[in-house]
């Protein structure tokens, strides 16, 4: 029998990620914001350690259907989630 991959909606992927975060003891207490667009998860929020930031990214990457993760979670020692944009062209 041939199985065809049925695309999963971005909203469903977002809900799965939020459920994974809520049920994992390492991320359950964190207040993350999650958006998914075209299978790319966008993570934001503030945590108190790089390990929590990295854990959130790894958990999101493990969700079937996620094609990539943009990690903009702020943590001590993490790269700045905002980048200056030069509009002088």
N, C-alpha and C. Protein backbone atom coordinates (compact mmCIF):
# COMPACT_ATOMS: atom_id res chain seq x y z
N UNK A 1 0.84 -1.18 0.00
CA UNK A 1 0.00 0.00 0.00
C UNK A 1 0.89 1.24 0.00
N UNK A 2 0.59 2.19 -0.85
CA UNK A 2 1.34 3.44 -0.94
C UNK A 2 0.69 4.46 -0.01
N UNK A 3 1.52 5.06 0.85
CA UNK A 3 1.02 6.10 1.73
C UNK A 3 1.44 7.46 1.21
N UNK A 4 0.52 8.37 1.18
CA UNK A 4 0.82 9.73 0.74
C UNK A 4 0.88 10.62 1.97
N UNK A 5 1.88 11.49 1.99
CA UNK A 5 1.99 12.43 3.10
C UNK A 5 0.91 13.49 2.96
N UNK A 6 0.08 13.58 3.95
CA UNK A 6 -0.96 14.59 3.97
C UNK A 6 -0.40 15.82 4.66
N UNK A 7 -0.44 16.96 4.00
CA UNK A 7 0.12 18.16 4.63
C UNK A 7 -0.64 18.50 5.92
N UNK A 8 0.12 18.91 6.91
CA UNK A 8 -0.45 19.32 8.19
C UNK A 8 -0.48 20.84 8.21
N UNK A 9 -1.57 21.41 8.67
CA UNK A 9 -1.69 22.87 8.67
C UNK A 9 -0.71 23.50 9.66
N UNK A 10 -0.35 24.73 9.38
CA UNK A 10 0.54 25.47 10.27
C UNK A 10 -0.07 25.60 11.66
N UNK A 11 -1.37 25.81 11.72
CA UNK A 11 -2.03 25.96 13.03
C UNK A 11 -1.96 24.65 13.82
N UNK A 12 -2.11 23.52 13.15
CA UNK A 12 -1.99 22.23 13.83
C UNK A 12 -0.56 22.03 14.33
N UNK A 13 0.42 22.36 13.52
CA UNK A 13 1.82 22.25 13.95
C UNK A 13 2.09 23.14 15.16
N UNK A 14 1.53 24.33 15.15
CA UNK A 14 1.69 25.26 16.28
C UNK A 14 1.11 24.64 17.56
N UNK A 15 -0.07 24.07 17.45
CA UNK A 15 -0.71 23.45 18.62
C UNK A 15 0.10 22.27 19.14
N UNK A 16 0.67 21.48 18.23
CA UNK A 16 1.50 20.35 18.65
C UNK A 16 2.73 20.85 19.41
N UNK A 17 3.38 21.87 18.89
CA UNK A 17 4.56 22.42 19.56
C UNK A 17 4.19 22.95 20.95
N UNK A 18 3.11 23.69 21.05
CA UNK A 18 2.68 24.21 22.35
C UNK A 18 2.38 23.09 23.33
N UNK A 19 1.78 22.00 22.84
CA UNK A 19 1.49 20.85 23.69
C UNK A 19 2.77 20.18 24.15
N UNK A 20 3.72 20.03 23.24
CA UNK A 20 5.03 19.44 23.60
C UNK A 20 5.71 20.30 24.66
N UNK A 21 5.71 21.61 24.49
CA UNK A 21 6.32 22.50 25.48
C UNK A 21 5.63 22.38 26.84
N UNK A 22 4.30 22.31 26.83
CA UNK A 22 3.54 22.26 28.08
C UNK A 22 3.72 20.94 28.82
N UNK A 23 4.01 19.87 28.10
CA UNK A 23 4.11 18.56 28.74
C UNK A 23 5.55 18.14 29.05
N UNK A 24 6.52 18.89 28.59
CA UNK A 24 7.92 18.58 28.88
C UNK A 24 8.34 19.36 30.13
N UNK A 25 8.87 18.67 31.12
CA UNK A 25 9.20 19.32 32.39
C UNK A 25 10.25 20.42 32.24
N UNK A 26 11.06 20.35 31.20
CA UNK A 26 12.11 21.35 30.99
C UNK A 26 11.57 22.67 30.44
N UNK A 27 10.40 22.63 29.81
CA UNK A 27 9.85 23.83 29.18
C UNK A 27 8.46 24.20 29.68
N UNK A 28 7.88 23.38 30.54
CA UNK A 28 6.49 23.58 30.97
C UNK A 28 6.27 24.92 31.66
N UNK A 29 7.25 25.41 32.39
CA UNK A 29 7.05 26.66 33.14
C UNK A 29 7.39 27.90 32.32
N UNK A 30 7.92 27.73 31.13
CA UNK A 30 8.32 28.88 30.31
C UNK A 30 7.11 29.44 29.57
N UNK A 31 7.18 30.73 29.27
CA UNK A 31 6.11 31.41 28.54
C UNK A 31 6.60 31.69 27.12
N UNK A 32 6.42 30.71 26.24
CA UNK A 32 6.87 30.86 24.87
C UNK A 32 5.76 31.35 23.97
N UNK A 33 6.15 32.07 22.95
CA UNK A 33 5.23 32.43 21.87
C UNK A 33 5.68 31.62 20.66
N UNK A 34 4.74 31.02 19.98
CA UNK A 34 5.04 30.14 18.86
C UNK A 34 4.17 30.52 17.68
N UNK A 35 4.81 30.65 16.55
CA UNK A 35 4.10 30.84 15.30
C UNK A 35 4.66 29.87 14.28
N UNK A 36 3.84 29.43 13.35
CA UNK A 36 4.32 28.54 12.29
C UNK A 36 3.82 29.08 10.97
N UNK A 37 4.74 29.22 10.02
CA UNK A 37 4.38 29.68 8.69
C UNK A 37 5.10 28.82 7.67
N UNK A 38 4.33 28.16 6.82
CA UNK A 38 4.88 27.27 5.79
C UNK A 38 5.78 26.19 6.38
N UNK A 39 5.41 25.70 7.57
CA UNK A 39 6.17 24.63 8.21
C UNK A 39 7.41 25.08 8.96
N UNK A 40 7.65 26.39 9.02
CA UNK A 40 8.78 26.94 9.76
C UNK A 40 8.27 27.47 11.10
N UNK A 41 8.80 26.93 12.20
CA UNK A 41 8.39 27.37 13.54
C UNK A 41 9.19 28.59 13.94
N UNK A 42 8.50 29.59 14.47
CA UNK A 42 9.13 30.81 14.97
C UNK A 42 8.89 30.84 16.48
N UNK A 43 9.98 30.77 17.24
CA UNK A 43 9.89 30.73 18.70
C UNK A 43 10.34 32.05 19.29
N UNK A 44 9.61 32.52 20.30
CA UNK A 44 9.97 33.76 20.99
C UNK A 44 9.62 33.60 22.47
N UNK A 45 10.17 34.48 23.26
CA UNK A 45 9.93 34.47 24.70
C UNK A 45 11.22 34.78 25.43
N UNK A 46 11.20 34.62 26.73
CA UNK A 46 12.37 34.89 27.56
C UNK A 46 12.52 33.74 28.54
N UNK A 47 13.74 33.19 28.62
CA UNK A 47 14.04 32.14 29.60
C UNK A 47 15.31 32.52 30.35
N UNK A 48 15.57 31.78 31.43
CA UNK A 48 16.70 32.13 32.29
C UNK A 48 17.98 31.37 31.98
N UNK A 49 17.98 30.51 30.94
CA UNK A 49 19.21 29.78 30.63
C UNK A 49 19.25 29.40 29.15
N UNK A 50 20.48 29.27 28.67
CA UNK A 50 20.67 28.81 27.29
C UNK A 50 20.15 27.40 27.10
N UNK A 51 20.24 26.57 28.13
CA UNK A 51 19.79 25.18 27.98
C UNK A 51 18.28 25.12 27.73
N UNK A 52 17.50 25.97 28.39
CA UNK A 52 16.05 25.99 28.13
C UNK A 52 15.77 26.48 26.71
N UNK A 53 16.53 27.45 26.27
CA UNK A 53 16.38 27.98 24.90
C UNK A 53 16.68 26.87 23.89
N UNK A 54 17.79 26.17 24.10
CA UNK A 54 18.19 25.11 23.19
C UNK A 54 17.21 23.93 23.22
N UNK A 55 16.71 23.62 24.41
CA UNK A 55 15.74 22.53 24.55
C UNK A 55 14.48 22.84 23.77
N UNK A 56 13.99 24.06 23.87
CA UNK A 56 12.78 24.44 23.14
C UNK A 56 12.99 24.28 21.63
N UNK A 57 14.14 24.70 21.15
CA UNK A 57 14.43 24.57 19.72
C UNK A 57 14.47 23.10 19.30
N UNK A 58 15.13 22.26 20.10
CA UNK A 58 15.23 20.84 19.76
C UNK A 58 13.86 20.17 19.79
N UNK A 59 13.04 20.50 20.77
CA UNK A 59 11.69 19.92 20.84
C UNK A 59 10.87 20.31 19.62
N UNK A 60 10.96 21.57 19.22
CA UNK A 60 10.19 22.03 18.05
C UNK A 60 10.67 21.33 16.79
N UNK A 61 11.98 21.13 16.66
CA UNK A 61 12.53 20.46 15.48
C UNK A 61 12.06 19.01 15.36
N UNK A 62 11.74 18.39 16.49
CA UNK A 62 11.32 16.99 16.49
C UNK A 62 9.87 16.78 16.06
N UNK A 63 9.11 17.86 15.98
CA UNK A 63 7.70 17.74 15.58
C UNK A 63 7.63 17.41 14.09
N UNK A 64 6.96 16.31 13.78
CA UNK A 64 6.86 15.88 12.39
C UNK A 64 6.08 16.92 11.59
N UNK A 65 6.67 17.36 10.49
CA UNK A 65 6.05 18.38 9.66
C UNK A 65 6.75 19.73 9.75
N UNK A 66 7.56 19.91 10.80
CA UNK A 66 8.32 21.15 10.94
C UNK A 66 9.55 21.06 10.04
N UNK A 67 9.71 22.06 9.17
CA UNK A 67 10.82 22.07 8.21
C UNK A 67 12.02 22.85 8.72
N UNK A 68 11.83 23.69 9.73
CA UNK A 68 12.91 24.49 10.28
C UNK A 68 12.42 25.28 11.48
N UNK A 69 13.37 25.85 12.22
CA UNK A 69 13.03 26.61 13.43
C UNK A 69 13.81 27.91 13.44
N UNK A 70 13.11 29.01 13.67
CA UNK A 70 13.73 30.31 13.89
C UNK A 70 13.63 30.56 15.39
N UNK A 71 14.76 30.56 16.07
CA UNK A 71 14.77 30.68 17.53
C UNK A 71 15.11 32.11 17.92
N UNK A 72 14.10 32.82 18.37
CA UNK A 72 14.27 34.20 18.84
C UNK A 72 13.99 34.30 20.34
N UNK A 73 14.21 33.20 21.04
CA UNK A 73 14.02 33.18 22.49
C UNK A 73 15.20 33.88 23.14
N UNK A 74 14.91 34.81 24.01
CA UNK A 74 15.96 35.55 24.71
C UNK A 74 16.41 34.77 25.94
N UNK A 75 17.74 34.68 26.09
CA UNK A 75 18.34 34.00 27.25
C UNK A 75 19.70 34.63 27.50
N UNK A 76 20.18 34.59 28.75
CA UNK A 76 21.51 35.13 29.03
C UNK A 76 22.56 34.44 28.16
N UNK A 77 23.35 35.23 27.45
CA UNK A 77 24.40 34.69 26.61
C UNK A 77 23.97 34.32 25.20
N UNK A 78 22.68 34.41 24.91
CA UNK A 78 22.19 34.07 23.57
C UNK A 78 22.38 35.26 22.64
N UNK A 79 22.51 34.98 21.34
CA UNK A 79 22.59 36.10 20.39
C UNK A 79 21.32 36.94 20.44
N UNK A 80 21.46 38.19 20.15
CA UNK A 80 20.31 39.09 20.18
C UNK A 80 19.28 38.65 19.15
N UNK A 81 18.01 38.54 19.55
CA UNK A 81 16.99 38.11 18.59
C UNK A 81 16.62 39.18 17.58
N UNK A 82 17.03 40.41 17.83
CA UNK A 82 16.71 41.47 16.87
C UNK A 82 17.98 41.87 16.14
N UNK A 83 17.81 42.18 14.88
CA UNK A 83 18.94 42.59 14.07
C UNK A 83 18.61 43.93 13.45
N UNK A 84 19.58 44.84 13.42
CA UNK A 84 19.33 46.13 12.76
C UNK A 84 19.17 45.92 11.25
N UNK A 85 18.29 46.69 10.69
CA UNK A 85 18.06 46.63 9.25
C UNK A 85 18.48 47.95 8.63
N UNK A 86 19.35 47.89 7.65
CA UNK A 86 19.79 49.10 6.96
C UNK A 86 18.84 49.38 5.81
N UNK A 87 18.11 50.48 5.92
CA UNK A 87 17.15 50.84 4.88
C UNK A 87 17.73 51.83 3.87
N UNK A 88 19.00 52.21 4.05
CA UNK A 88 19.65 53.13 3.09
C UNK A 88 20.17 52.31 1.92
N UNK A 89 19.41 52.28 0.86
CA UNK A 89 19.80 51.48 -0.30
C UNK A 89 20.45 52.35 -1.37
